[in-house]
Amino acid sequence: MSAPAHAEGVARSHDREFFDRELAGFVPPRVFDAHCHLWLEQEVQFRIPGISGDVGADRYRQLVDELHPGREMGALFLSFAIPTNPTGRDRMNEFIARETARNPRYRGEFFVRPDDDPEWVRQEVRRLGLHGLKCYHTFAANKPTWQAAIPEYLPEPLVRVAHEEGWVITLHTVKSRAVADRENYDCIRRYCQTYPNMRLILAHSARGFQPNHNLEGLPHLSGLDNLWFDTSANCEPIAHQAILRCIGPHRLMYGSDLPISHLRGRSLGAADSFVWLYEETPVWGEKHSRIDPVLIGLEHLRSVKWACWAERLTDSQVEDIFWNNAARLLNVF
């Protein structure tokens, strides 16, 4: 069972003012969140100010209402695991399954480790009624895992099972240059071409926190009918623009990345990499004013708005990004 609803919230008055000023007229009435996390507090290491206890579907709905209030919601819930808690993964997968089953517009992904038996994964995903796989680089054997090759944390036998079952896979690429790294884009292209019934979602707009990586890498990934992207937590408009221009607006999906959405600050491209600015980072004082950082989820939404404006998207194309693309991919009606 998920924890009871909590009264505390994270949004402050300047967050609400920011939404009303910059986003209220942009975010459509229906929002499908294609990248978000639920969690059991005892199974995770992070703590988000203002959020306590387990976060199930009900609490999720309260929290994302602070980002885009009053919208009709659907969601793809991603399971979560940490290498230092080997038994927690199973409890998290069970929790995601229970919470996903509560609403026909919810979908869920099963967290896999690279050493999982593919047939066991097949049976577990079927048993739990989930819809795909979530992997993460921290389970790669080679260190540092930030430089891991994709097969080190998403081995091909798991991709083959996803193809046979028609599942989605959400992939957070690593390596210093993300999708601009040849080993990464070659692997993504090979997986997509070899396993066409597997639908691959590249998280964080292809992890283009440095947008130039998307400008370099995405042309190598054009023409793949089973490749998708979620925007989650990426605050750089050009990262999203590169997808819209190189791949098309029919393959980009909004994602909040709760709980990251409820920290304060933003991602920022710098040099050939990127940095994260958080509320405690000493950068918010300027000569003329004091800046009150807003929720990352709001900065991210503004970056999506700017990308849509720059690419001259129509209202219906914006609605595709916020609902229709994910609904088609995940068979949500």
Protein backbone atom coordinates (compact mmCIF):
# COMPACT_ATOMS: atom_id res chain seq x y z
CA MET A 1 0.00 0.00 0.00
CA SER A 2 1.20 3.51 -0.72
CA ALA A 3 1.48 5.97 2.12
CA PRO A 4 -1.50 8.23 2.85
CA ALA A 5 -1.68 11.56 1.06
CA HIS A 6 0.49 14.24 2.63
CA ALA A 7 -0.60 17.81 3.21
CA GLU A 8 2.79 19.39 2.55
CA GLY A 9 3.61 20.81 -0.86
CA VAL A 10 6.76 22.00 -2.57
CA ALA A 11 5.58 24.92 -4.73
CA ARG A 12 6.03 28.45 -3.43
CA SER A 13 4.22 31.62 -4.40
CA HIS A 14 6.85 32.56 -7.00
CA ASP A 15 6.50 29.12 -8.60
CA ARG A 16 2.78 29.69 -9.04
CA GLU A 17 3.40 33.18 -10.39
CA PHE A 18 5.93 31.75 -12.85
CA PHE A 19 3.42 29.18 -14.11
CA ASP A 20 0.64 31.74 -14.47
CA ARG A 21 2.90 34.18 -16.29
CA GLU A 22 4.83 31.86 -18.60
CA LEU A 23 3.14 28.48 -18.88
CA ALA A 24 -0.59 28.60 -18.21
CA GLY A 25 -1.39 29.44 -21.83
CA PHE A 26 1.06 26.88 -23.20
CA VAL A 27 0.49 23.58 -21.36
CA PRO A 28 -2.47 21.75 -22.97
CA PRO A 29 -5.47 20.46 -20.99
CA ARG A 30 -4.19 16.85 -21.19
CA VAL A 31 -0.69 15.88 -20.07
CA PHE A 32 0.86 12.43 -20.37
CA ASP A 33 3.98 12.25 -18.24
CA ALA A 34 6.26 9.83 -20.10
CA HIS A 35 9.08 9.84 -17.53
CA CYS A 36 8.36 9.95 -13.80
CA HIS A 37 9.18 7.95 -10.70
CA LEU A 38 7.24 6.61 -7.77
CA TRP A 39 9.15 5.37 -4.76
CA LEU A 40 9.14 3.70 -1.38
CA GLU A 41 11.00 5.96 0.99
CA GLN A 42 12.93 3.15 2.67
CA GLU A 43 14.26 1.92 -0.69
CA VAL A 44 15.84 5.17 -1.95
CA GLN A 45 18.73 7.35 -0.85
CA PHE A 46 17.45 10.75 -1.95
CA ARG A 47 15.25 13.15 0.00
CA ILE A 48 13.34 16.02 -1.61
CA PRO A 49 12.50 18.98 0.66
CA GLY A 50 8.77 19.08 1.23
CA ILE A 51 8.18 15.44 0.23
CA SER A 52 8.12 12.73 2.89
CA GLY A 53 6.96 9.14 3.02
CA ASP A 54 6.22 6.84 0.11
CA VAL A 55 5.16 8.44 -3.17
CA GLY A 56 2.49 6.40 -4.90
CA ALA A 57 0.05 7.35 -7.63
CA ASP A 58 -2.13 9.60 -5.44
CA ARG A 59 0.81 11.57 -4.09
CA TYR A 60 2.28 11.76 -7.58
CA ARG A 61 -0.91 13.36 -8.82
CA GLN A 62 -0.78 15.98 -6.06
CA LEU A 63 2.86 16.80 -6.80
CA VAL A 64 2.59 17.18 -10.56
CA ASP A 65 -0.43 19.40 -10.04
CA GLU A 66 2.14 21.89 -8.72
CA LEU A 67 3.78 21.88 -12.17
CA HIS A 68 0.69 22.00 -14.38
CA PRO A 69 -2.41 22.43 -12.24
CA GLY A 70 -5.79 21.10 -13.25
CA ARG A 71 -4.61 19.05 -16.21
CA GLU A 72 -5.98 15.63 -17.09
CA MET A 73 -3.10 13.22 -16.47
CA GLY A 74 -1.65 9.96 -17.70
CA ALA A 75 1.78 8.63 -16.75
CA LEU A 76 4.53 6.12 -17.44
CA PHE A 77 5.96 5.20 -14.03
CA LEU A 78 9.60 4.09 -14.02
CA SER A 79 10.85 1.76 -11.34
CA PHE A 80 14.00 2.58 -9.41
CA ALA A 81 16.86 0.66 -7.80
CA ILE A 82 20.28 1.25 -6.26
CA PRO A 83 23.20 -1.23 -6.32
CA THR A 84 23.69 -1.08 -2.55
CA ASN A 85 20.15 -2.33 -1.90
CA PRO A 86 19.81 -5.54 -3.93
CA THR A 87 16.46 -6.63 -2.47
CA GLY A 88 14.87 -3.20 -2.82
CA ARG A 89 14.59 -3.57 -6.59
CA ASP A 90 11.97 -6.32 -6.29
CA ARG A 91 9.90 -4.33 -3.79
CA MET A 92 10.03 -1.29 -6.06
CA ASN A 93 8.91 -3.29 -9.10
CA GLU A 94 5.99 -4.72 -7.14
CA PHE A 95 5.08 -1.22 -5.92
CA ILE A 96 5.14 0.22 -9.45
CA ALA A 97 2.90 -2.59 -10.63
CA ARG A 98 0.32 -2.01 -7.88
CA GLU A 99 0.21 1.74 -8.46
CA THR A 100 0.07 1.39 -12.25
CA ALA A 101 -2.92 -0.95 -12.00
CA ARG A 102 -4.98 1.76 -10.32
CA ASN A 103 -5.69 3.77 -13.47
CA PRO A 104 -6.11 2.65 -17.11
CA ARG A 105 -4.10 5.70 -18.19
CA TYR A 106 -1.06 4.63 -16.21
CA ARG A 107 1.74 2.45 -17.53
CA GLY A 108 4.77 1.07 -15.73
CA GLU A 109 8.30 -0.14 -16.41
CA PHE A 110 10.21 -2.94 -14.70
CA PHE A 111 13.73 -2.17 -13.46
CA VAL A 112 16.31 -4.59 -14.89
CA ARG A 113 19.87 -5.33 -13.94
CA PRO A 114 22.34 -6.39 -16.65
CA ASP A 115 22.80 -9.85 -15.11
CA ASP A 116 19.06 -10.64 -15.06
CA ASP A 117 17.95 -13.82 -16.80
CA PRO A 118 15.89 -12.63 -19.80
CA GLU A 119 13.32 -15.39 -19.36
CA TRP A 120 12.84 -14.46 -15.70
CA VAL A 121 12.37 -10.84 -16.78
CA ARG A 122 9.77 -11.91 -19.33
CA GLN A 123 7.82 -13.84 -16.71
CA GLU A 124 8.02 -11.06 -14.10
CA VAL A 125 6.91 -8.28 -16.43
CA ARG A 126 3.98 -10.40 -17.57
CA ARG A 127 3.10 -11.35 -14.00
CA LEU A 128 3.15 -7.75 -12.84
CA GLY A 129 1.26 -6.41 -15.84
CA LEU A 130 3.98 -3.90 -16.71
CA HIS A 131 4.80 -2.49 -20.11
CA GLY A 132 8.55 -2.32 -20.52
CA LEU A 133 11.99 -2.03 -19.01
CA LYS A 134 14.02 0.60 -17.16
CA CYS A 135 17.80 0.22 -16.91
CA TYR A 136 20.47 2.43 -15.38
CA HIS A 137 24.22 2.80 -15.74
CA THR A 138 24.96 2.44 -12.01
CA PHE A 139 24.59 -1.33 -12.43
CA ALA A 140 27.35 -1.57 -15.06
CA ALA A 141 30.34 -3.60 -13.90
CA ASN A 142 33.04 -1.27 -15.19
CA LYS A 143 33.83 1.90 -13.26
CA PRO A 144 33.22 4.77 -13.50
CA THR A 145 29.77 3.83 -14.70
CA TRP A 146 29.26 7.33 -16.18
CA GLN A 147 31.48 6.09 -19.02
CA ALA A 148 29.68 2.76 -19.48
CA ALA A 149 28.80 1.46 -22.93
CA ILE A 150 25.09 0.80 -23.41
CA PRO A 151 25.41 -3.04 -23.51
CA GLU A 152 27.06 -2.94 -20.08
CA TYR A 153 23.76 -1.94 -18.48
CA LEU A 154 21.28 -2.83 -21.25
CA PRO A 155 22.58 -6.12 -22.70
CA GLU A 156 21.23 -7.35 -26.00
CA PRO A 157 19.32 -10.38 -24.63
CA LEU A 158 17.05 -8.00 -22.67
CA VAL A 159 16.47 -5.93 -25.80
CA ARG A 160 15.55 -9.13 -27.66
CA VAL A 161 12.93 -9.99 -25.04
CA ALA A 162 11.48 -6.48 -25.32
CA HIS A 163 11.26 -6.98 -29.08
CA GLU A 164 9.51 -10.33 -28.70
CA GLU A 165 7.04 -8.88 -26.19
CA GLY A 166 6.51 -5.47 -27.86
CA TRP A 167 7.75 -3.54 -24.83
CA VAL A 168 9.19 -0.07 -24.45
CA ILE A 169 12.62 0.55 -22.92
CA THR A 170 13.64 3.84 -21.33
CA LEU A 171 17.38 4.42 -21.72
CA HIS A 172 19.48 7.10 -20.01
CA THR A 173 22.65 7.17 -22.08
CA VAL A 174 25.95 8.04 -20.47
CA LYS A 175 29.51 8.64 -21.69
CA SER A 176 30.87 12.18 -21.76
CA ARG A 177 29.28 13.15 -25.08
CA ALA A 178 25.97 11.28 -24.77
CA VAL A 179 24.31 10.72 -28.14
CA ALA A 180 27.26 12.33 -29.96
CA ASP A 181 29.45 9.43 -28.85
CA ARG A 182 29.86 7.08 -31.82
CA GLU A 183 29.72 3.97 -29.69
CA ASN A 184 26.39 5.16 -28.29
CA TYR A 185 24.69 6.10 -31.55
CA ASP A 186 25.99 2.98 -33.31
CA CYS A 187 24.56 0.80 -30.52
CA ILE A 188 21.22 2.62 -30.49
CA ARG A 189 20.91 2.30 -34.25
CA ARG A 190 21.83 -1.41 -34.19
CA TYR A 191 19.39 -2.21 -31.38
CA CYS A 192 16.55 -0.36 -33.12
CA GLN A 193 17.19 -1.92 -36.52
CA THR A 194 17.75 -5.45 -35.21
CA TYR A 195 14.75 -5.40 -32.85
CA PRO A 196 12.05 -3.34 -34.60
CA ASN A 197 9.22 -4.41 -32.28
CA MET A 198 11.10 -2.96 -29.28
CA ARG A 199 10.35 0.76 -28.80
CA LEU A 200 13.33 2.66 -27.38
CA ILE A 201 12.85 5.93 -25.48
CA LEU A 202 15.95 8.09 -24.99
CA ALA A 203 15.49 9.92 -21.70
CA HIS A 204 16.18 13.62 -21.05
CA SER A 205 15.95 14.53 -24.75
CA ALA A 206 18.73 12.04 -25.50
CA ARG A 207 20.55 13.33 -22.40
CA GLY A 208 21.31 16.42 -24.43
CA PHE A 209 22.02 18.55 -21.38
CA GLN A 210 24.79 19.88 -23.62
CA PRO A 211 22.64 20.61 -26.69
CA ASN A 212 25.55 20.44 -29.11
CA HIS A 213 25.73 16.69 -28.46
CA ASN A 214 22.23 16.37 -29.91
CA LEU A 215 23.11 18.54 -32.90
CA GLU A 216 26.05 16.23 -33.63
CA GLY A 217 24.53 12.87 -32.78
CA LEU A 218 20.89 12.93 -33.83
CA PRO A 219 21.53 12.99 -37.60
CA HIS A 220 23.00 9.50 -37.16
CA LEU A 221 19.68 8.29 -35.68
CA SER A 222 17.24 9.51 -38.31
CA GLY A 223 14.84 7.11 -40.00
CA LEU A 224 14.35 4.75 -37.04
CA ASP A 225 10.65 4.01 -36.67
CA ASN A 226 10.98 2.66 -33.11
CA LEU A 227 13.04 5.48 -31.56
CA TRP A 228 11.38 7.98 -29.22
CA PHE A 229 12.49 10.70 -26.80
CA ASP A 230 11.22 12.10 -23.52
CA THR A 231 12.04 15.65 -22.49
CA SER A 232 12.43 14.92 -18.76
CA ALA A 233 14.27 17.56 -16.71
CA ASN A 234 16.28 18.93 -19.63
CA CYS A 235 16.16 22.73 -19.38
CA GLU A 236 17.99 23.49 -22.66
CA PRO A 237 15.55 24.45 -25.45
CA ILE A 238 17.96 23.55 -28.25
CA ALA A 239 18.17 19.97 -26.95
CA HIS A 240 14.44 19.61 -27.68
CA GLN A 241 14.69 21.65 -30.89
CA ALA A 242 17.32 19.29 -32.26
CA ILE A 243 14.90 16.38 -31.85
CA LEU A 244 12.02 18.32 -33.39
CA ARG A 245 14.15 19.27 -36.38
CA CYS A 246 16.21 16.09 -36.90
CA ILE A 247 13.59 13.47 -35.96
CA GLY A 248 10.23 15.25 -35.90
CA PRO A 249 7.56 16.34 -33.40
CA HIS A 250 5.81 12.95 -33.56
CA ARG A 251 8.61 11.27 -31.57
CA LEU A 252 9.03 13.70 -28.67
CA MET A 253 7.11 13.23 -25.39
CA TYR A 254 6.88 15.36 -22.29
CA GLY A 255 8.23 13.92 -19.03
CA SER A 256 8.40 15.60 -15.61
CA ASP A 257 11.14 13.42 -14.08
CA LEU A 258 9.55 13.57 -10.65
CA PRO A 259 11.33 13.79 -8.14
CA ILE A 260 14.01 15.85 -9.93
CA SER A 261 11.20 18.16 -11.05
CA HIS A 262 10.67 19.24 -7.45
CA LEU A 263 14.20 20.36 -6.74
CA ARG A 264 15.05 23.99 -7.56
CA GLY A 265 17.41 25.22 -10.23
CA ARG A 266 18.13 24.03 -13.77
CA SER A 267 20.55 22.21 -16.04
CA LEU A 268 22.91 24.39 -18.04
CA GLY A 269 25.12 23.50 -20.99
CA ALA A 270 28.74 24.57 -20.52
CA ALA A 271 31.88 23.93 -22.58
CA ASP A 272 31.51 20.39 -24.00
CA SER A 273 29.48 19.26 -20.99
CA PHE A 274 26.86 20.64 -18.60
CA VAL A 275 26.35 21.64 -14.99
CA TRP A 276 23.42 21.52 -12.61
CA LEU A 277 22.54 24.61 -10.61
CA TYR A 278 20.57 23.88 -7.44
CA GLU A 279 19.00 26.13 -4.86
CA GLU A 280 22.05 25.83 -2.62
CA THR A 281 24.50 26.60 -5.46
CA PRO A 282 25.91 30.11 -4.76
CA VAL A 283 24.92 31.70 -8.08
CA TRP A 284 21.56 33.33 -7.37
CA GLY A 285 22.74 36.74 -6.24
CA GLU A 286 23.33 39.39 -8.92
CA LYS A 287 24.41 43.04 -8.61
CA HIS A 288 20.89 44.30 -9.11
CA SER A 289 18.67 41.63 -7.60
CA ARG A 290 18.23 38.36 -5.77
CA ILE A 291 16.97 35.49 -7.96
CA ASP A 292 14.50 33.05 -6.44
CA PRO A 293 15.05 29.77 -8.31
CA VAL A 294 11.88 27.98 -9.37
CA LEU A 295 11.22 24.26 -9.52
CA ILE A 296 13.30 22.41 -12.12
CA GLY A 297 10.06 21.07 -13.52
CA LEU A 298 8.94 24.60 -14.33
CA GLU A 299 12.26 25.61 -15.90
CA HIS A 300 12.04 22.43 -17.96
CA LEU A 301 8.49 23.22 -19.11
CA ARG A 302 9.63 26.67 -20.19
CA SER A 303 12.43 25.14 -22.25
CA VAL A 304 9.88 22.93 -24.03
CA LYS A 305 7.74 26.02 -24.68
CA TRP A 306 10.67 27.90 -26.17
CA ALA A 307 11.59 24.94 -28.38
CA CYS A 308 8.03 24.65 -29.68
CA TRP A 309 7.93 28.40 -30.36
CA ALA A 310 11.28 28.39 -32.17
CA GLU A 311 10.20 25.46 -34.36
CA ARG A 312 6.82 27.12 -35.06
CA LEU A 313 4.84 24.13 -33.88
CA THR A 314 1.08 24.23 -34.22
CA ASP A 315 -1.24 23.75 -31.25
CA SER A 316 -1.96 20.21 -32.42
CA GLN A 317 1.76 19.39 -32.54
CA VAL A 318 2.18 20.72 -28.99
CA GLU A 319 -0.72 18.50 -27.95
CA ASP A 320 1.11 15.58 -29.57
CA ILE A 321 4.16 16.21 -27.39
CA PHE A 322 2.08 16.47 -24.23
CA TRP A 323 -0.34 13.61 -24.88
CA ASN A 324 -0.89 12.04 -28.28
CA ASN A 325 2.63 10.72 -28.98
CA ALA A 326 2.82 8.86 -25.67
CA ALA A 327 -0.80 7.73 -25.89
CA ARG A 328 -0.16 6.15 -29.28
CA LEU A 329 3.10 4.56 -28.17
CA LEU A 330 1.62 3.08 -25.00
CA ASN A 331 -1.91 2.33 -26.26
CA VAL A 332 -3.64 4.73 -23.88
CA PHE A 333 -7.14 5.78 -24.85
